[in-house]
């Protein structure tokens, strides 16, 4: 699917145990 996130920001970038970035919160996608 071609997804437009629409609410990308630092608080929606989560970090795992190795500090890898994960995009979250697709509420406005």
ModelCIF file with pLDDT and N, C-alpha, C, O atoms, coordinates in Angstrom:
data_MODEL
#
_entry.id   MODEL 
#
_entity.id                         1 
_entity.type                       polymer 
_entity.pdbx_number_of_molecules   1 
#
_entity_poly.entity_id                      1 
_entity_poly.type                           'polypeptide(L)' 
_entity_poly.nstd_linkage                   no 
_entity_poly.nstd_monomer                   no 
_entity_poly.pdbx_seq_one_letter_code       
;(UNK)(UNK)(UNK)(UNK)(UNK)(UNK)(UNK)(UNK)(UNK)(UNK)(UNK)(UNK)(UNK)(UNK)(UNK)(UNK)
(UNK)(UNK)(UNK)(UNK)(UNK)(UNK)(UNK)(UNK)(UNK)(UNK)(UNK)(UNK)(UNK)
;
_entity_poly.pdbx_seq_one_letter_code_can   XXXXXXXXXXXXXXXXXXXXXXXXXXXXX 
_entity_poly.pdbx_strand_id                 A 
#
loop_
_entity_poly_seq.entity_id 
_entity_poly_seq.num 
_entity_poly_seq.mon_id 
_entity_poly_seq.hetero 
1 1  UNK n 
1 2  UNK n 
1 3  UNK n 
1 4  UNK n 
1 5  UNK n 
1 6  UNK n 
1 7  UNK n 
1 8  UNK n 
1 9  UNK n 
1 10 UNK n 
1 11 UNK n 
1 12 UNK n 
1 13 UNK n 
1 14 UNK n 
1 15 UNK n 
1 16 UNK n 
1 17 UNK n 
1 18 UNK n 
1 19 UNK n 
1 20 UNK n 
1 21 UNK n 
1 22 UNK n 
1 23 UNK n 
1 24 UNK n 
1 25 UNK n 
1 26 UNK n 
1 27 UNK n 
1 28 UNK n 
1 29 UNK n 
#
_struct_asym.id          A 
_struct_asym.entity_id   1 
#
loop_
_ma_qa_metric.id 
_ma_qa_metric.mode 
_ma_qa_metric.name 
_ma_qa_metric.software_group_id 
_ma_qa_metric.type 
1 global pLDDT . pLDDT 
2 local  pLDDT . pLDDT 
#
_ma_qa_metric_global.metric_id      1 
_ma_qa_metric_global.metric_value   87.86 
_ma_qa_metric_global.model_id       1 
_ma_qa_metric_global.ordinal_id     1 
#
loop_
_ma_qa_metric_local.label_asym_id 
_ma_qa_metric_local.label_comp_id 
_ma_qa_metric_local.label_seq_id 
_ma_qa_metric_local.metric_id 
_ma_qa_metric_local.metric_value 
_ma_qa_metric_local.model_id 
_ma_qa_metric_local.ordinal_id 
A UNK 1  2 75.00 1 1  
A UNK 2  2 82.00 1 2  
A UNK 3  2 87.00 1 3  
A UNK 4  2 90.00 1 4  
A UNK 5  2 89.00 1 5  
A UNK 6  2 88.00 1 6  
A UNK 7  2 89.00 1 7  
A UNK 8  2 94.00 1 8  
A UNK 9  2 94.00 1 9  
A UNK 10 2 94.00 1 10 
A UNK 11 2 89.00 1 11 
A UNK 12 2 89.00 1 12 
A UNK 13 2 93.00 1 13 
A UNK 14 2 92.00 1 14 
A UNK 15 2 94.00 1 15 
A UNK 16 2 92.00 1 16 
A UNK 17 2 90.00 1 17 
A UNK 18 2 91.00 1 18 
A UNK 19 2 94.00 1 19 
A UNK 20 2 94.00 1 20 
A UNK 21 2 95.00 1 21 
A UNK 22 2 94.00 1 22 
A UNK 23 2 91.00 1 23 
A UNK 24 2 86.00 1 24 
A UNK 25 2 79.00 1 25 
A UNK 26 2 77.00 1 26 
A UNK 27 2 69.00 1 27 
A UNK 28 2 77.00 1 28 
A UNK 29 2 80.00 1 29 
#
loop_
_atom_site.group_PDB 
_atom_site.id 
_atom_site.type_symbol 
_atom_site.label_atom_id 
_atom_site.label_alt_id 
_atom_site.label_comp_id 
_atom_site.label_asym_id 
_atom_site.label_entity_id 
_atom_site.label_seq_id 
_atom_site.pdbx_PDB_ins_code 
_atom_site.Cartn_x 
_atom_site.Cartn_y 
_atom_site.Cartn_z 
_atom_site.occupancy 
_atom_site.B_iso_or_equiv 
_atom_site.pdbx_formal_charge 
_atom_site.auth_seq_id 
_atom_site.auth_comp_id 
_atom_site.auth_asym_id 
_atom_site.auth_atom_id 
_atom_site.pdbx_PDB_model_num 
ATOM 1   N N  . UNK A 1 1  ? 0.850  -1.188 0.000  1.00 75.00 ? 1  UNK A N  1 
ATOM 2   C CA . UNK A 1 1  ? 0.000  0.000  0.000  1.00 75.00 ? 1  UNK A CA 1 
ATOM 3   C C  . UNK A 1 1  ? 0.886  1.240  0.000  1.00 75.00 ? 1  UNK A C  1 
ATOM 4   O O  . UNK A 1 1  ? 1.939  1.250  0.638  1.00 75.00 ? 1  UNK A O  1 
ATOM 5   N N  . UNK A 1 2  ? 0.470  2.276  -0.706 1.00 82.00 ? 2  UNK A N  1 
ATOM 6   C CA . UNK A 1 2  ? 1.214  3.529  -0.651 1.00 82.00 ? 2  UNK A CA 1 
ATOM 7   C C  . UNK A 1 2  ? 0.610  4.382  0.464  1.00 82.00 ? 2  UNK A C  1 
ATOM 8   O O  . UNK A 1 2  ? -0.513 4.870  0.343  1.00 82.00 ? 2  UNK A O  1 
ATOM 9   N N  . UNK A 1 3  ? 1.363  4.555  1.545  1.00 87.00 ? 3  UNK A N  1 
ATOM 10  C CA . UNK A 1 3  ? 0.854  5.192  2.745  1.00 87.00 ? 3  UNK A CA 1 
ATOM 11  C C  . UNK A 1 3  ? 1.460  6.584  2.916  1.00 87.00 ? 3  UNK A C  1 
ATOM 12  O O  . UNK A 1 3  ? 2.674  6.757  2.802  1.00 87.00 ? 3  UNK A O  1 
ATOM 13  N N  . UNK A 1 4  ? 0.616  7.563  3.187  1.00 90.00 ? 4  UNK A N  1 
ATOM 14  C CA . UNK A 1 4  ? 1.060  8.896  3.579  1.00 90.00 ? 4  UNK A CA 1 
ATOM 15  C C  . UNK A 1 4  ? 0.823  9.007  5.086  1.00 90.00 ? 4  UNK A C  1 
ATOM 16  O O  . UNK A 1 4  ? -0.322 8.928  5.532  1.00 90.00 ? 4  UNK A O  1 
ATOM 17  N N  . UNK A 1 5  ? 1.876  9.186  5.871  1.00 89.00 ? 5  UNK A N  1 
ATOM 18  C CA . UNK A 1 5  ? 1.757  9.150  7.326  1.00 89.00 ? 5  UNK A CA 1 
ATOM 19  C C  . UNK A 1 5  ? 1.000  10.362 7.864  1.00 89.00 ? 5  UNK A C  1 
ATOM 20  O O  . UNK A 1 5  ? 0.069  10.198 8.652  1.00 89.00 ? 5  UNK A O  1 
ATOM 21  N N  . UNK A 1 6  ? 1.372  11.556 7.463  1.00 88.00 ? 6  UNK A N  1 
ATOM 22  C CA . UNK A 1 6  ? 0.711  12.835 7.787  1.00 88.00 ? 6  UNK A CA 1 
ATOM 23  C C  . UNK A 1 6  ? 0.958  13.353 9.206  1.00 88.00 ? 6  UNK A C  1 
ATOM 24  O O  . UNK A 1 6  ? 0.567  14.478 9.519  1.00 88.00 ? 6  UNK A O  1 
ATOM 25  N N  . UNK A 1 7  ? 1.594  12.563 10.068 1.00 89.00 ? 7  UNK A N  1 
ATOM 26  C CA . UNK A 1 7  ? 1.872  13.089 11.416 1.00 89.00 ? 7  UNK A CA 1 
ATOM 27  C C  . UNK A 1 7  ? 3.242  12.618 11.889 1.00 89.00 ? 7  UNK A C  1 
ATOM 28  O O  . UNK A 1 7  ? 3.410  12.194 13.033 1.00 89.00 ? 7  UNK A O  1 
ATOM 29  N N  . UNK A 1 8  ? 4.212  12.701 10.992 1.00 94.00 ? 8  UNK A N  1 
ATOM 30  C CA . UNK A 1 8  ? 5.567  12.281 11.331 1.00 94.00 ? 8  UNK A CA 1 
ATOM 31  C C  . UNK A 1 8  ? 6.236  13.349 12.194 1.00 94.00 ? 8  UNK A C  1 
ATOM 32  O O  . UNK A 1 8  ? 6.321  14.508 11.788 1.00 94.00 ? 8  UNK A O  1 
ATOM 33  N N  . UNK A 1 9  ? 6.708  12.969 13.376 1.00 94.00 ? 9  UNK A N  1 
ATOM 34  C CA . UNK A 1 9  ? 7.364  13.891 14.297 1.00 94.00 ? 9  UNK A CA 1 
ATOM 35  C C  . UNK A 1 9  ? 8.210  13.083 15.261 1.00 94.00 ? 9  UNK A C  1 
ATOM 36  O O  . UNK A 1 9  ? 8.105  11.858 15.307 1.00 94.00 ? 9  UNK A O  1 
ATOM 37  N N  . UNK A 1 10 ? 9.047  13.759 16.031 1.00 94.00 ? 10 UNK A N  1 
ATOM 38  C CA . UNK A 1 10 ? 9.998  13.052 16.898 1.00 94.00 ? 10 UNK A CA 1 
ATOM 39  C C  . UNK A 1 10 ? 9.302  12.214 17.956 1.00 94.00 ? 10 UNK A C  1 
ATOM 40  O O  . UNK A 1 10 ? 9.826  11.169 18.344 1.00 94.00 ? 10 UNK A O  1 
ATOM 41  N N  . UNK A 1 11 ? 8.133  12.640 18.439 1.00 89.00 ? 11 UNK A N  1 
ATOM 42  C CA . UNK A 1 11 ? 7.439  11.851 19.456 1.00 89.00 ? 11 UNK A CA 1 
ATOM 43  C C  . UNK A 1 11 ? 6.804  10.593 18.881 1.00 89.00 ? 11 UNK A C  1 
ATOM 44  O O  . UNK A 1 11 ? 6.413  9.700  19.633 1.00 89.00 ? 11 UNK A O  1 
ATOM 45  N N  . UNK A 1 12 ? 6.696  10.512 17.555 1.00 89.00 ? 12 UNK A N  1 
ATOM 46  C CA . UNK A 1 12 ? 6.175  9.312  16.910 1.00 89.00 ? 12 UNK A CA 1 
ATOM 47  C C  . UNK A 1 12 ? 7.286  8.410  16.382 1.00 89.00 ? 12 UNK A C  1 
ATOM 48  O O  . UNK A 1 12 ? 7.023  7.452  15.655 1.00 89.00 ? 12 UNK A O  1 
ATOM 49  N N  . UNK A 1 13 ? 8.518  8.717  16.746 1.00 93.00 ? 13 UNK A N  1 
ATOM 50  C CA . UNK A 1 13 ? 9.651  7.849  16.413 1.00 93.00 ? 13 UNK A CA 1 
ATOM 51  C C  . UNK A 1 13 ? 10.060 7.139  17.702 1.00 93.00 ? 13 UNK A C  1 
ATOM 52  O O  . UNK A 1 13 ? 10.629 7.755  18.603 1.00 93.00 ? 13 UNK A O  1 
ATOM 53  N N  . UNK A 1 14 ? 9.772  5.857  17.783 1.00 92.00 ? 14 UNK A N  1 
ATOM 54  C CA . UNK A 1 14 ? 10.095 5.082  18.974 1.00 92.00 ? 14 UNK A CA 1 
ATOM 55  C C  . UNK A 1 14 ? 11.429 4.369  18.783 1.00 92.00 ? 14 UNK A C  1 
ATOM 56  O O  . UNK A 1 14 ? 11.854 4.118  17.655 1.00 92.00 ? 14 UNK A O  1 
ATOM 57  N N  . UNK A 1 15 ? 12.090 4.045  19.906 1.00 94.00 ? 15 UNK A N  1 
ATOM 58  C CA . UNK A 1 15 ? 13.432 3.465  19.873 1.00 94.00 ? 15 UNK A CA 1 
ATOM 59  C C  . UNK A 1 15 ? 13.440 2.139  20.609 1.00 94.00 ? 15 UNK A C  1 
ATOM 60  O O  . UNK A 1 15 ? 12.977 2.047  21.746 1.00 94.00 ? 15 UNK A O  1 
ATOM 61  N N  . UNK A 1 16 ? 13.975 1.097  19.947 1.00 92.00 ? 16 UNK A N  1 
ATOM 62  C CA . UNK A 1 16 ? 14.035 -0.215 20.590 1.00 92.00 ? 16 UNK A CA 1 
ATOM 63  C C  . UNK A 1 16 ? 15.258 -0.309 21.492 1.00 92.00 ? 16 UNK A C  1 
ATOM 64  O O  . UNK A 1 16 ? 15.920 0.698  21.745 1.00 92.00 ? 16 UNK A O  1 
ATOM 65  N N  . UNK A 1 17 ? 15.561 -1.498 21.975 1.00 90.00 ? 17 UNK A N  1 
ATOM 66  C CA . UNK A 1 17 ? 16.657 -1.675 22.933 1.00 90.00 ? 17 UNK A CA 1 
ATOM 67  C C  . UNK A 1 17 ? 18.011 -1.339 22.344 1.00 90.00 ? 17 UNK A C  1 
ATOM 68  O O  . UNK A 1 17 ? 18.939 -1.001 23.080 1.00 90.00 ? 17 UNK A O  1 
ATOM 69  N N  . UNK A 1 18 ? 18.144 -1.428 21.006 1.00 91.00 ? 18 UNK A N  1 
ATOM 70  C CA . UNK A 1 18 ? 19.406 -1.100 20.333 1.00 91.00 ? 18 UNK A CA 1 
ATOM 71  C C  . UNK A 1 18 ? 19.379 0.293  19.724 1.00 91.00 ? 18 UNK A C  1 
ATOM 72  O O  . UNK A 1 18 ? 20.226 0.628  18.896 1.00 91.00 ? 18 UNK A O  1 
ATOM 73  N N  . UNK A 1 19 ? 18.416 1.098  20.126 1.00 94.00 ? 19 UNK A N  1 
ATOM 74  C CA . UNK A 1 19 ? 18.240 2.474  19.635 1.00 94.00 ? 19 UNK A CA 1 
ATOM 75  C C  . UNK A 1 19 ? 17.924 2.534  18.143 1.00 94.00 ? 19 UNK A C  1 
ATOM 76  O O  . UNK A 1 19 ? 18.232 3.522  17.476 1.00 94.00 ? 19 UNK A O  1 
ATOM 77  N N  . UNK A 1 20 ? 17.304 1.467  17.621 1.00 94.00 ? 20 UNK A N  1 
ATOM 78  C CA . UNK A 1 20 ? 16.833 1.492  16.241 1.00 94.00 ? 20 UNK A CA 1 
ATOM 79  C C  . UNK A 1 20 ? 15.504 2.241  16.176 1.00 94.00 ? 20 UNK A C  1 
ATOM 80  O O  . UNK A 1 20 ? 14.642 2.066  17.037 1.00 94.00 ? 20 UNK A O  1 
ATOM 81  N N  . UNK A 1 21 ? 15.348 3.068  15.157 1.00 95.00 ? 21 UNK A N  1 
ATOM 82  C CA . UNK A 1 21 ? 14.146 3.892  15.033 1.00 95.00 ? 21 UNK A CA 1 
ATOM 83  C C  . UNK A 1 21 ? 12.976 3.098  14.463 1.00 95.00 ? 21 UNK A C  1 
ATOM 84  O O  . UNK A 1 21 ? 13.145 2.299  13.542 1.00 95.00 ? 21 UNK A O  1 
ATOM 85  N N  . UNK A 1 22 ? 11.787 3.325  15.020 1.00 94.00 ? 22 UNK A N  1 
ATOM 86  C CA . UNK A 1 22 ? 10.563 2.686  14.544 1.00 94.00 ? 22 UNK A CA 1 
ATOM 87  C C  . UNK A 1 22 ? 9.477  3.761  14.418 1.00 94.00 ? 22 UNK A C  1 
ATOM 88  O O  . UNK A 1 22 ? 9.152  4.436  15.394 1.00 94.00 ? 22 UNK A O  1 
ATOM 89  N N  . UNK A 1 23 ? 8.925  3.913  13.229 1.00 91.00 ? 23 UNK A N  1 
ATOM 90  C CA . UNK A 1 23 ? 7.847  4.869  13.016 1.00 91.00 ? 23 UNK A CA 1 
ATOM 91  C C  . UNK A 1 23 ? 6.563  4.305  13.613 1.00 91.00 ? 23 UNK A C  1 
ATOM 92  O O  . UNK A 1 23 ? 6.226  3.142  13.391 1.00 91.00 ? 23 UNK A O  1 
ATOM 93  N N  . UNK A 1 24 ? 5.849  5.135  14.369 1.00 86.00 ? 24 UNK A N  1 
ATOM 94  C CA . UNK A 1 24 ? 4.612  4.682  15.003 1.00 86.00 ? 24 UNK A CA 1 
ATOM 95  C C  . UNK A 1 24 ? 3.488  5.678  14.750 1.00 86.00 ? 24 UNK A C  1 
ATOM 96  O O  . UNK A 1 24 ? 3.666  6.692  14.075 1.00 86.00 ? 24 UNK A O  1 
ATOM 97  N N  . UNK A 1 25 ? 2.317  5.356  15.316 1.00 79.00 ? 25 UNK A N  1 
ATOM 98  C CA . UNK A 1 25 ? 1.142  6.228  15.335 1.00 79.00 ? 25 UNK A CA 1 
ATOM 99  C C  . UNK A 1 25 ? 0.672  6.593  13.930 1.00 79.00 ? 25 UNK A C  1 
ATOM 100 O O  . UNK A 1 25 ? 0.985  7.666  13.412 1.00 79.00 ? 25 UNK A O  1 
ATOM 101 N N  . UNK A 1 26 ? -0.087 5.678  13.323 1.00 77.00 ? 26 UNK A N  1 
ATOM 102 C CA . UNK A 1 26 ? -0.629 5.885  11.986 1.00 77.00 ? 26 UNK A CA 1 
ATOM 103 C C  . UNK A 1 26 ? -2.067 6.397  12.038 1.00 77.00 ? 26 UNK A C  1 
ATOM 104 O O  . UNK A 1 26 ? -2.854 6.168  11.119 1.00 77.00 ? 26 UNK A O  1 
ATOM 105 N N  . UNK A 1 27 ? -2.398 7.097  13.134 1.00 69.00 ? 27 UNK A N  1 
ATOM 106 C CA . UNK A 1 27 ? -3.768 7.548  13.325 1.00 69.00 ? 27 UNK A CA 1 
ATOM 107 C C  . UNK A 1 27 ? -4.282 8.498  12.268 1.00 69.00 ? 27 UNK A C  1 
ATOM 108 O O  . UNK A 1 27 ? -5.491 8.585  12.057 1.00 69.00 ? 27 UNK A O  1 
ATOM 109 N N  . UNK A 1 28 ? -3.379 9.226  11.586 1.00 77.00 ? 28 UNK A N  1 
ATOM 110 C CA . UNK A 1 28 ? -3.812 10.180 10.552 1.00 77.00 ? 28 UNK A CA 1 
ATOM 111 C C  . UNK A 1 28 ? -3.421 9.736  9.148  1.00 77.00 ? 28 UNK A C  1 
ATOM 112 O O  . UNK A 1 28 ? -3.534 10.500 8.190  1.00 77.00 ? 28 UNK A O  1 
ATOM 113 N N  . UNK A 1 29 ? -2.955 8.481  9.036  1.00 80.00 ? 29 UNK A N  1 
ATOM 114 C CA . UNK A 1 29 ? -2.410 8.019  7.762  1.00 80.00 ? 29 UNK A CA 1 
ATOM 115 C C  . UNK A 1 29 ? -3.495 7.893  6.697  1.00 80.00 ? 29 UNK A C  1 
ATOM 116 O O  . UNK A 1 29 ? -3.204 7.514  5.562  1.00 80.00 ? 29 UNK A O  1 
#
